[in-house]
Amino acid sequence: MKYSSSILTFSMCFLLFIYSISSVDIIRSCCHKDAQNSRTVNSKFCVIALKANPKTKYAKPEELANISIELTMSSATNISTQITQLLEDGKLDYDALQDCSRLYSDAKSALQEALDHIKQKDDQFANLKVNSVTMLQTTCEDGFKEKKGASPLATENKQFSQLSAINLAFTNMMY
């Protein structure tokens, strides 16, 4: 009895190990495919960003689109929080920060709509919503450039840009 219990435990662990390896391979494969199909997707960033989310461990390729959108929504929320703190500090261009705040608020709404449309199997509209946020970080950065100031959000905007490109690549694969 003890012997069969050990074999069962070993078998279960082995299967979990194989499944976890295959999920990493799925992430790598999807990110590599995204990078090949989009000049803006960085394959290494894509793998790191997706692997950081525990939901991807057992995700199917089609579920990675949802997860990547959720990651981008989280990024938008974090950037919005940072903008609020910068506005309270009062040392930087108020108008540029307000514009960025509105852009990221709109992005969160658009990305939520994209998730809703994916759940409804309306991949075309989901793709349009994801596409609508892909350039907002450029608009945010431009607001600071117009005032001839350095953007305090440059790093965060670049990360958001990468996440948006990953979203678009995944929704393009679905569409």
N, C-alpha and C. Protein backbone atom coordinates (compact mmCIF):
# COMPACT_ATOMS: atom_id res chain seq x y z
N MET A 1 0.83 -1.19 0.00
CA MET A 1 0.00 0.00 0.00
C MET A 1 0.87 1.25 0.00
N LYS A 2 1.91 1.24 0.82
CA LYS A 2 2.82 2.38 0.90
C LYS A 2 3.50 2.61 -0.44
N TYR A 3 3.86 1.50 -1.11
CA TYR A 3 4.53 1.58 -2.40
C TYR A 3 3.61 2.21 -3.45
N SER A 4 2.35 1.80 -3.51
CA SER A 4 1.42 2.36 -4.50
C SER A 4 1.11 3.82 -4.21
N SER A 5 1.09 4.20 -2.95
CA SER A 5 0.88 5.59 -2.57
C SER A 5 2.05 6.46 -3.05
N SER A 6 3.26 5.94 -2.92
CA SER A 6 4.44 6.67 -3.37
C SER A 6 4.44 6.84 -4.88
N ILE A 7 4.06 5.79 -5.58
CA ILE A 7 4.00 5.86 -7.04
C ILE A 7 2.95 6.88 -7.48
N LEU A 8 1.80 6.88 -6.81
CA LEU A 8 0.75 7.82 -7.13
C LEU A 8 1.22 9.26 -6.88
N THR A 9 1.87 9.49 -5.76
CA THR A 9 2.39 10.83 -5.44
C THR A 9 3.43 11.26 -6.47
N PHE A 10 4.34 10.36 -6.80
CA PHE A 10 5.37 10.67 -7.80
C PHE A 10 4.72 10.98 -9.15
N SER A 11 3.74 10.18 -9.52
CA SER A 11 3.07 10.39 -10.81
C SER A 11 2.38 11.74 -10.86
N MET A 12 1.70 12.08 -9.78
CA MET A 12 1.01 13.38 -9.72
C MET A 12 2.02 14.52 -9.81
N CYS A 13 3.10 14.44 -9.07
CA CYS A 13 4.13 15.48 -9.10
C CYS A 13 4.75 15.59 -10.50
N PHE A 14 5.01 14.46 -11.11
CA PHE A 14 5.59 14.45 -12.45
C PHE A 14 4.65 15.11 -13.46
N LEU A 15 3.37 14.77 -13.39
CA LEU A 15 2.40 15.37 -14.30
C LEU A 15 2.28 16.88 -14.08
N LEU A 16 2.27 17.31 -12.83
CA LEU A 16 2.24 18.74 -12.54
C LEU A 16 3.49 19.44 -13.09
N PHE A 17 4.63 18.79 -12.93
CA PHE A 17 5.89 19.35 -13.43
C PHE A 17 5.84 19.49 -14.95
N ILE A 18 5.40 18.45 -15.63
CA ILE A 18 5.30 18.48 -17.10
C ILE A 18 4.31 19.55 -17.53
N TYR A 19 3.17 19.65 -16.83
CA TYR A 19 2.17 20.65 -17.19
C TYR A 19 2.72 22.06 -16.98
N SER A 20 3.46 22.28 -15.88
CA SER A 20 4.01 23.62 -15.64
C SER A 20 5.06 23.98 -16.68
N ILE A 21 5.85 23.00 -17.11
CA ILE A 21 6.83 23.25 -18.17
C ILE A 21 6.10 23.61 -19.46
N SER A 22 5.02 22.89 -19.76
CA SER A 22 4.30 23.18 -21.00
C SER A 22 3.65 24.55 -20.95
N SER A 23 3.20 25.02 -19.76
CA SER A 23 2.60 26.35 -19.69
C SER A 23 3.65 27.43 -19.95
N VAL A 24 4.88 27.21 -19.47
CA VAL A 24 5.96 28.16 -19.76
C VAL A 24 6.26 28.14 -21.26
N ASP A 25 6.24 26.96 -21.86
CA ASP A 25 6.46 26.85 -23.30
C ASP A 25 5.35 27.55 -24.09
N ILE A 26 4.12 27.47 -23.60
CA ILE A 26 3.00 28.15 -24.27
C ILE A 26 3.23 29.66 -24.21
N ILE A 27 3.63 30.16 -23.04
CA ILE A 27 3.89 31.59 -22.91
C ILE A 27 5.02 32.00 -23.85
N ARG A 28 6.11 31.27 -23.83
CA ARG A 28 7.23 31.60 -24.72
C ARG A 28 6.80 31.56 -26.18
N SER A 29 6.07 30.53 -26.54
CA SER A 29 5.63 30.37 -27.92
C SER A 29 4.72 31.53 -28.34
N CYS A 30 3.76 31.87 -27.50
CA CYS A 30 2.84 32.97 -27.82
C CYS A 30 3.59 34.30 -27.90
N CYS A 31 4.48 34.54 -26.95
CA CYS A 31 5.23 35.79 -26.95
C CYS A 31 6.15 35.87 -28.16
N HIS A 32 6.77 34.75 -28.51
CA HIS A 32 7.64 34.73 -29.68
C HIS A 32 6.83 35.01 -30.95
N LYS A 33 5.66 34.38 -31.03
CA LYS A 33 4.79 34.60 -32.19
C LYS A 33 4.34 36.07 -32.23
N ASP A 34 3.98 36.62 -31.07
CA ASP A 34 3.59 38.03 -31.00
C ASP A 34 4.72 38.93 -31.49
N ALA A 35 5.94 38.65 -31.04
CA ALA A 35 7.09 39.46 -31.42
C ALA A 35 7.36 39.37 -32.93
N GLN A 36 7.13 38.21 -33.50
CA GLN A 36 7.32 38.05 -34.94
C GLN A 36 6.26 38.82 -35.74
N ASN A 37 5.04 38.87 -35.19
CA ASN A 37 3.93 39.52 -35.90
C ASN A 37 3.81 41.02 -35.62
N SER A 38 4.54 41.51 -34.62
CA SER A 38 4.45 42.92 -34.24
C SER A 38 5.84 43.46 -33.98
N ARG A 39 6.17 44.54 -34.64
CA ARG A 39 7.50 45.11 -34.45
C ARG A 39 7.65 45.79 -33.09
N THR A 40 6.54 45.97 -32.36
CA THR A 40 6.61 46.66 -31.08
C THR A 40 6.64 45.72 -29.88
N VAL A 41 6.37 44.43 -30.06
CA VAL A 41 6.38 43.48 -28.95
C VAL A 41 7.80 42.98 -28.70
N ASN A 42 8.23 43.12 -27.47
CA ASN A 42 9.51 42.57 -27.04
C ASN A 42 9.24 41.21 -26.42
N SER A 43 9.73 40.16 -27.05
CA SER A 43 9.44 38.79 -26.62
C SER A 43 9.88 38.54 -25.18
N LYS A 44 11.05 39.01 -24.81
CA LYS A 44 11.56 38.78 -23.46
C LYS A 44 10.68 39.48 -22.42
N PHE A 45 10.31 40.74 -22.69
CA PHE A 45 9.41 41.47 -21.78
C PHE A 45 8.08 40.74 -21.66
N CYS A 46 7.54 40.27 -22.78
CA CYS A 46 6.27 39.56 -22.81
C CYS A 46 6.32 38.33 -21.90
N VAL A 47 7.36 37.53 -22.03
CA VAL A 47 7.50 36.31 -21.21
C VAL A 47 7.59 36.68 -19.73
N ILE A 48 8.44 37.65 -19.40
CA ILE A 48 8.62 38.05 -18.00
C ILE A 48 7.31 38.59 -17.42
N ALA A 49 6.63 39.45 -18.17
CA ALA A 49 5.39 40.05 -17.67
C ALA A 49 4.32 38.98 -17.43
N LEU A 50 4.16 38.08 -18.37
CA LEU A 50 3.12 37.06 -18.23
C LEU A 50 3.48 36.04 -17.15
N LYS A 51 4.73 35.63 -17.08
CA LYS A 51 5.13 34.65 -16.06
C LYS A 51 5.00 35.21 -14.65
N ALA A 52 5.05 36.53 -14.51
CA ALA A 52 4.93 37.15 -13.19
C ALA A 52 3.52 37.00 -12.62
N ASN A 53 2.55 36.74 -13.49
CA ASN A 53 1.18 36.58 -13.04
C ASN A 53 0.91 35.09 -12.81
N PRO A 54 0.53 34.72 -11.58
CA PRO A 54 0.30 33.30 -11.28
C PRO A 54 -0.81 32.66 -12.11
N LYS A 55 -1.73 33.45 -12.65
CA LYS A 55 -2.82 32.91 -13.46
C LYS A 55 -2.30 32.26 -14.74
N THR A 56 -1.12 32.66 -15.19
CA THR A 56 -0.62 32.12 -16.46
C THR A 56 -0.06 30.71 -16.32
N LYS A 57 0.13 30.28 -15.09
CA LYS A 57 0.76 28.97 -14.88
C LYS A 57 0.02 27.85 -15.61
N TYR A 58 -1.29 27.90 -15.61
CA TYR A 58 -2.08 26.85 -16.25
C TYR A 58 -2.97 27.41 -17.36
N ALA A 59 -2.62 28.57 -17.87
CA ALA A 59 -3.46 29.23 -18.88
C ALA A 59 -3.29 28.61 -20.25
N LYS A 60 -4.40 28.60 -20.96
CA LYS A 60 -4.39 28.21 -22.37
C LYS A 60 -4.04 29.46 -23.17
N PRO A 61 -3.58 29.29 -24.39
CA PRO A 61 -3.20 30.46 -25.20
C PRO A 61 -4.29 31.53 -25.28
N GLU A 62 -5.55 31.12 -25.45
CA GLU A 62 -6.62 32.10 -25.57
C GLU A 62 -6.86 32.85 -24.25
N GLU A 63 -6.51 32.25 -23.12
CA GLU A 63 -6.65 32.92 -21.82
C GLU A 63 -5.55 33.96 -21.58
N LEU A 64 -4.46 33.83 -22.30
CA LEU A 64 -3.37 34.79 -22.13
C LEU A 64 -3.78 36.20 -22.56
N ALA A 65 -4.70 36.32 -23.50
CA ALA A 65 -5.20 37.64 -23.90
C ALA A 65 -5.86 38.33 -22.72
N ASN A 66 -6.73 37.60 -22.01
CA ASN A 66 -7.38 38.17 -20.82
C ASN A 66 -6.36 38.57 -19.77
N ILE A 67 -5.41 37.71 -19.53
CA ILE A 67 -4.41 37.97 -18.50
C ILE A 67 -3.56 39.18 -18.87
N SER A 68 -3.19 39.28 -20.14
CA SER A 68 -2.37 40.43 -20.54
C SER A 68 -3.16 41.73 -20.42
N ILE A 69 -4.44 41.69 -20.72
CA ILE A 69 -5.28 42.89 -20.56
C ILE A 69 -5.39 43.26 -19.08
N GLU A 70 -5.56 42.27 -18.23
CA GLU A 70 -5.62 42.53 -16.79
C GLU A 70 -4.32 43.16 -16.29
N LEU A 71 -3.19 42.66 -16.80
CA LEU A 71 -1.89 43.24 -16.43
C LEU A 71 -1.81 44.70 -16.87
N THR A 72 -2.31 44.99 -18.04
CA THR A 72 -2.28 46.36 -18.56
C THR A 72 -3.21 47.27 -17.76
N MET A 73 -4.36 46.75 -17.36
CA MET A 73 -5.26 47.52 -16.50
C MET A 73 -4.60 47.83 -15.16
N SER A 74 -3.90 46.86 -14.62
CA SER A 74 -3.18 47.07 -13.36
C SER A 74 -2.10 48.14 -13.52
N SER A 75 -1.41 48.10 -14.64
CA SER A 75 -0.39 49.11 -14.93
C SER A 75 -1.03 50.49 -15.02
N ALA A 76 -2.17 50.59 -15.71
CA ALA A 76 -2.87 51.87 -15.83
C ALA A 76 -3.30 52.39 -14.45
N THR A 77 -3.74 51.50 -13.59
CA THR A 77 -4.14 51.88 -12.23
C THR A 77 -2.93 52.40 -11.46
N ASN A 78 -1.81 51.70 -11.56
CA ASN A 78 -0.60 52.14 -10.86
C ASN A 78 -0.11 53.50 -11.37
N ILE A 79 -0.18 53.70 -12.68
CA ILE A 79 0.24 54.98 -13.25
C ILE A 79 -0.72 56.09 -12.79
N SER A 80 -2.00 55.79 -12.75
CA SER A 80 -2.98 56.78 -12.28
C SER A 80 -2.69 57.19 -10.83
N THR A 81 -2.33 56.22 -10.02
CA THR A 81 -1.97 56.51 -8.62
C THR A 81 -0.74 57.40 -8.56
N GLN A 82 0.24 57.09 -9.38
CA GLN A 82 1.45 57.91 -9.42
C GLN A 82 1.14 59.33 -9.89
N ILE A 83 0.27 59.46 -10.87
CA ILE A 83 -0.12 60.80 -11.36
C ILE A 83 -0.80 61.58 -10.24
N THR A 84 -1.67 60.94 -9.50
CA THR A 84 -2.35 61.61 -8.37
C THR A 84 -1.33 62.13 -7.37
N GLN A 85 -0.32 61.32 -7.07
CA GLN A 85 0.72 61.76 -6.14
C GLN A 85 1.51 62.93 -6.71
N LEU A 86 1.81 62.89 -8.00
CA LEU A 86 2.54 63.99 -8.63
C LEU A 86 1.71 65.27 -8.65
N LEU A 87 0.41 65.13 -8.87
CA LEU A 87 -0.47 66.30 -8.85
C LEU A 87 -0.52 66.92 -7.45
N GLU A 88 -0.56 66.07 -6.44
CA GLU A 88 -0.58 66.57 -5.06
C GLU A 88 0.72 67.26 -4.69
N ASP A 89 1.82 66.77 -5.26
CA ASP A 89 3.13 67.36 -5.01
C ASP A 89 3.20 68.78 -5.57
N GLY A 90 2.54 69.00 -6.72
CA GLY A 90 2.43 70.33 -7.30
C GLY A 90 3.68 70.90 -7.96
N LYS A 91 4.70 70.10 -8.16
CA LYS A 91 5.96 70.62 -8.72
C LYS A 91 6.04 70.48 -10.24
N LEU A 92 5.18 69.67 -10.83
CA LEU A 92 5.26 69.41 -12.27
C LEU A 92 4.06 70.03 -13.00
N ASP A 93 4.13 70.01 -14.31
CA ASP A 93 3.10 70.63 -15.14
C ASP A 93 1.73 69.99 -14.88
N TYR A 94 0.85 70.80 -14.31
CA TYR A 94 -0.48 70.35 -13.92
C TYR A 94 -1.29 69.89 -15.13
N ASP A 95 -1.29 70.69 -16.21
CA ASP A 95 -2.10 70.36 -17.39
C ASP A 95 -1.67 69.05 -18.02
N ALA A 96 -0.37 68.85 -18.16
CA ALA A 96 0.13 67.61 -18.76
C ALA A 96 -0.25 66.40 -17.89
N LEU A 97 -0.11 66.55 -16.58
CA LEU A 97 -0.47 65.45 -15.68
C LEU A 97 -1.98 65.16 -15.73
N GLN A 98 -2.79 66.21 -15.80
CA GLN A 98 -4.24 66.02 -15.90
C GLN A 98 -4.61 65.29 -17.19
N ASP A 99 -3.95 65.67 -18.29
CA ASP A 99 -4.20 64.99 -19.55
C ASP A 99 -3.86 63.51 -19.44
N CYS A 100 -2.71 63.22 -18.86
CA CYS A 100 -2.29 61.82 -18.68
C CYS A 100 -3.28 61.07 -17.79
N SER A 101 -3.74 61.73 -16.75
CA SER A 101 -4.71 61.12 -15.85
C SER A 101 -5.98 60.73 -16.59
N ARG A 102 -6.49 61.62 -17.42
CA ARG A 102 -7.69 61.32 -18.22
C ARG A 102 -7.43 60.17 -19.20
N LEU A 103 -6.27 60.20 -19.82
CA LEU A 103 -5.93 59.14 -20.79
C LEU A 103 -5.91 57.77 -20.12
N TYR A 104 -5.28 57.68 -18.97
CA TYR A 104 -5.19 56.38 -18.29
C TYR A 104 -6.53 55.95 -17.71
N SER A 105 -7.35 56.89 -17.31
CA SER A 105 -8.70 56.56 -16.85
C SER A 105 -9.52 56.00 -18.01
N ASP A 106 -9.41 56.64 -19.17
CA ASP A 106 -10.09 56.15 -20.36
C ASP A 106 -9.57 54.76 -20.76
N ALA A 107 -8.27 54.56 -20.60
CA ALA A 107 -7.66 53.27 -20.95
C ALA A 107 -8.23 52.15 -20.09
N LYS A 108 -8.37 52.41 -18.80
CA LYS A 108 -8.92 51.37 -17.91
C LYS A 108 -10.34 51.00 -18.35
N SER A 109 -11.13 51.99 -18.70
CA SER A 109 -12.51 51.72 -19.17
C SER A 109 -12.50 50.93 -20.47
N ALA A 110 -11.66 51.35 -21.41
CA ALA A 110 -11.59 50.66 -22.71
C ALA A 110 -11.12 49.21 -22.54
N LEU A 111 -10.15 49.00 -21.67
CA LEU A 111 -9.64 47.64 -21.46
C LEU A 111 -10.68 46.76 -20.76
N GLN A 112 -11.44 47.34 -19.85
CA GLN A 112 -12.53 46.58 -19.22
C GLN A 112 -13.57 46.19 -20.26
N GLU A 113 -13.88 47.11 -21.16
CA GLU A 113 -14.81 46.80 -22.24
C GLU A 113 -14.25 45.70 -23.13
N ALA A 114 -12.95 45.74 -23.39
CA ALA A 114 -12.33 44.68 -24.20
C ALA A 114 -12.51 43.32 -23.53
N LEU A 115 -12.27 43.26 -22.22
CA LEU A 115 -12.47 41.99 -21.49
C LEU A 115 -13.91 41.52 -21.60
N ASP A 116 -14.84 42.45 -21.44
CA ASP A 116 -16.26 42.10 -21.54
C ASP A 116 -16.59 41.54 -22.92
N HIS A 117 -16.02 42.13 -23.95
CA HIS A 117 -16.30 41.66 -25.32
C HIS A 117 -15.62 40.33 -25.61
N ILE A 118 -14.47 40.09 -25.00
CA ILE A 118 -13.84 38.78 -25.17
C ILE A 118 -14.73 37.70 -24.55
N LYS A 119 -15.27 37.99 -23.38
CA LYS A 119 -16.16 37.02 -22.72
C LYS A 119 -17.40 36.75 -23.57
N GLN A 120 -17.84 37.75 -24.31
CA GLN A 120 -19.01 37.60 -25.18
C GLN A 120 -18.64 37.04 -26.56
N LYS A 121 -17.37 36.69 -26.71
CA LYS A 121 -16.85 36.16 -27.99
C LYS A 121 -16.94 37.18 -29.12
N ASP A 122 -16.93 38.44 -28.77
CA ASP A 122 -16.94 39.52 -29.77
C ASP A 122 -15.49 40.02 -29.91
N ASP A 123 -14.68 39.19 -30.55
CA ASP A 123 -13.25 39.46 -30.64
C ASP A 123 -12.94 40.70 -31.46
N GLN A 124 -13.76 40.99 -32.46
CA GLN A 124 -13.51 42.17 -33.29
C GLN A 124 -13.63 43.46 -32.47
N PHE A 125 -14.68 43.57 -31.66
CA PHE A 125 -14.84 44.78 -30.85
C PHE A 125 -13.79 44.83 -29.74
N ALA A 126 -13.45 43.67 -29.19
CA ALA A 126 -12.39 43.63 -28.18
C ALA A 126 -11.09 44.15 -28.78
N ASN A 127 -10.81 43.74 -30.00
CA ASN A 127 -9.61 44.19 -30.68
C ASN A 127 -9.62 45.70 -30.89
N LEU A 128 -10.77 46.26 -31.26
CA LEU A 128 -10.89 47.72 -31.43
C LEU A 128 -10.63 48.46 -30.12
N LYS A 129 -11.16 47.94 -29.02
CA LYS A 129 -10.96 48.58 -27.72
C LYS A 129 -9.50 48.53 -27.30
N VAL A 130 -8.86 47.39 -27.51
CA VAL A 130 -7.44 47.26 -27.17
C VAL A 130 -6.62 48.21 -28.04
N ASN A 131 -6.96 48.27 -29.31
CA ASN A 131 -6.24 49.15 -30.24
C ASN A 131 -6.37 50.62 -29.83
N SER A 132 -7.50 50.98 -29.22
CA SER A 132 -7.74 52.38 -28.85
C SER A 132 -6.79 52.89 -27.77
N VAL A 133 -6.16 52.01 -27.03
CA VAL A 133 -5.25 52.47 -25.96
C VAL A 133 -3.77 52.36 -26.32
N THR A 134 -3.48 51.85 -27.50
CA THR A 134 -2.07 51.57 -27.82
C THR A 134 -1.19 52.80 -27.95
N MET A 135 -1.75 53.95 -28.25
CA MET A 135 -0.92 55.14 -28.44
C MET A 135 -1.07 56.17 -27.33
N LEU A 136 -1.83 55.86 -26.29
CA LEU A 136 -2.07 56.87 -25.27
C LEU A 136 -0.81 57.29 -24.55
N GLN A 137 0.13 56.39 -24.36
CA GLN A 137 1.37 56.77 -23.66
C GLN A 137 2.16 57.79 -24.48
N THR A 138 2.07 57.71 -25.80
CA THR A 138 2.73 58.69 -26.66
C THR A 138 2.08 60.06 -26.47
N THR A 139 0.76 60.07 -26.42
CA THR A 139 0.03 61.32 -26.19
C THR A 139 0.40 61.91 -24.83
N CYS A 140 0.51 61.06 -23.83
CA CYS A 140 0.90 61.51 -22.49
C CYS A 140 2.30 62.12 -22.54
N GLU A 141 3.23 61.44 -23.16
CA GLU A 141 4.61 61.93 -23.27
C GLU A 141 4.67 63.25 -24.04
N ASP A 142 3.87 63.36 -25.10
CA ASP A 142 3.85 64.58 -25.91
C ASP A 142 3.45 65.80 -25.10
N GLY A 143 2.56 65.62 -24.13
CA GLY A 143 2.15 66.73 -23.28
C GLY A 143 3.31 67.35 -22.52
N PHE A 144 4.25 66.53 -22.10
CA PHE A 144 5.43 67.05 -21.40
C PHE A 144 6.44 67.65 -22.37
N LYS A 145 6.55 67.05 -23.55
CA LYS A 145 7.48 67.57 -24.56
C LYS A 145 7.05 68.95 -25.03
N GLU A 146 5.74 69.17 -25.15
CA GLU A 146 5.24 70.48 -25.57
C GLU A 146 5.66 71.56 -24.59
N LYS A 147 5.75 71.22 -23.33
CA LYS A 147 6.15 72.18 -22.30
C LYS A 147 7.66 72.19 -22.09
N LYS A 148 8.35 71.44 -22.96
CA LYS A 148 9.81 71.32 -22.91
C LYS A 148 10.31 70.81 -21.56
N GLY A 149 9.53 69.90 -21.00
CA GLY A 149 9.90 69.29 -19.73
C GLY A 149 10.08 67.79 -19.89
N ALA A 150 10.81 67.21 -18.96
CA ALA A 150 11.00 65.77 -18.96
C ALA A 150 9.78 65.11 -18.34
N SER A 151 9.35 64.03 -18.90
CA SER A 151 8.21 63.32 -18.37
C SER A 151 8.62 62.52 -17.14
N PRO A 152 7.88 62.69 -16.04
CA PRO A 152 8.15 61.88 -14.85
C PRO A 152 7.58 60.46 -14.99
N LEU A 153 6.88 60.22 -16.10
CA LEU A 153 6.22 58.93 -16.33
C LEU A 153 6.85 58.14 -17.47
N ALA A 154 8.03 58.55 -17.91
CA ALA A 154 8.63 57.93 -19.10
C ALA A 154 8.77 56.42 -18.97
N THR A 155 9.28 55.94 -17.86
CA THR A 155 9.48 54.50 -17.66
C THR A 155 8.14 53.77 -17.64
N GLU A 156 7.19 54.32 -16.90
CA GLU A 156 5.88 53.70 -16.78
C GLU A 156 5.15 53.71 -18.12
N ASN A 157 5.28 54.81 -18.86
CA ASN A 157 4.65 54.89 -20.18
C ASN A 157 5.23 53.86 -21.14
N LYS A 158 6.54 53.66 -21.05
CA LYS A 158 7.18 52.67 -21.92
C LYS A 158 6.68 51.26 -21.59
N GLN A 159 6.56 50.96 -20.30
CA GLN A 159 6.06 49.65 -19.89
C GLN A 159 4.61 49.48 -20.34
N PHE A 160 3.81 50.52 -20.17
CA PHE A 160 2.41 50.46 -20.62
C PHE A 160 2.35 50.23 -22.13
N SER A 161 3.23 50.88 -22.86
CA SER A 161 3.29 50.71 -24.30
C SER A 161 3.56 49.25 -24.67
N GLN A 162 4.50 48.62 -23.98
CA GLN A 162 4.82 47.22 -24.24
C GLN A 162 3.62 46.32 -23.93
N LEU A 163 3.00 46.56 -22.77
CA LEU A 163 1.84 45.75 -22.40
C LEU A 163 0.71 45.93 -23.41
N SER A 164 0.51 47.15 -23.87
CA SER A 164 -0.53 47.41 -24.88
C SER A 164 -0.23 46.69 -26.18
N ALA A 165 1.03 46.67 -26.57
CA ALA A 165 1.42 45.97 -27.79
C ALA A 165 1.18 44.47 -27.66
N ILE A 166 1.45 43.93 -26.48
CA ILE A 166 1.19 42.50 -26.23
C ILE A 166 -0.31 42.23 -26.32
N ASN A 167 -1.13 43.10 -25.71
CA ASN A 167 -2.59 42.94 -25.78
C ASN A 167 -3.05 42.92 -27.23
N LEU A 168 -2.56 43.88 -27.99
CA LEU A 168 -2.99 43.98 -29.38
C LEU A 168 -2.58 42.74 -30.17
N ALA A 169 -1.38 42.26 -29.93
CA ALA A 169 -0.92 41.06 -30.63
C ALA A 169 -1.81 39.86 -30.28
N PHE A 170 -2.15 39.71 -29.00
CA PHE A 170 -3.01 38.59 -28.60
C PHE A 170 -4.41 38.74 -29.18
N THR A 171 -4.99 39.93 -29.13
CA THR A 171 -6.34 40.08 -29.68
C THR A 171 -6.34 39.98 -31.20
N ASN A 172 -5.24 40.36 -31.84
CA ASN A 172 -5.14 40.15 -33.29
C ASN A 172 -5.12 38.65 -33.62
N MET A 173 -4.47 37.86 -32.77
CA MET A 173 -4.44 36.40 -33.00
C MET A 173 -5.85 35.81 -32.86
N MET A 174 -6.65 36.38 -31.95
CA MET A 174 -8.01 35.87 -31.73
C MET A 174 -8.91 36.28 -32.88
N TYR A 175 -8.69 37.46 -33.41
CA TYR A 175 -9.55 38.08 -34.41
C TYR A 175 -9.29 37.52 -35.74
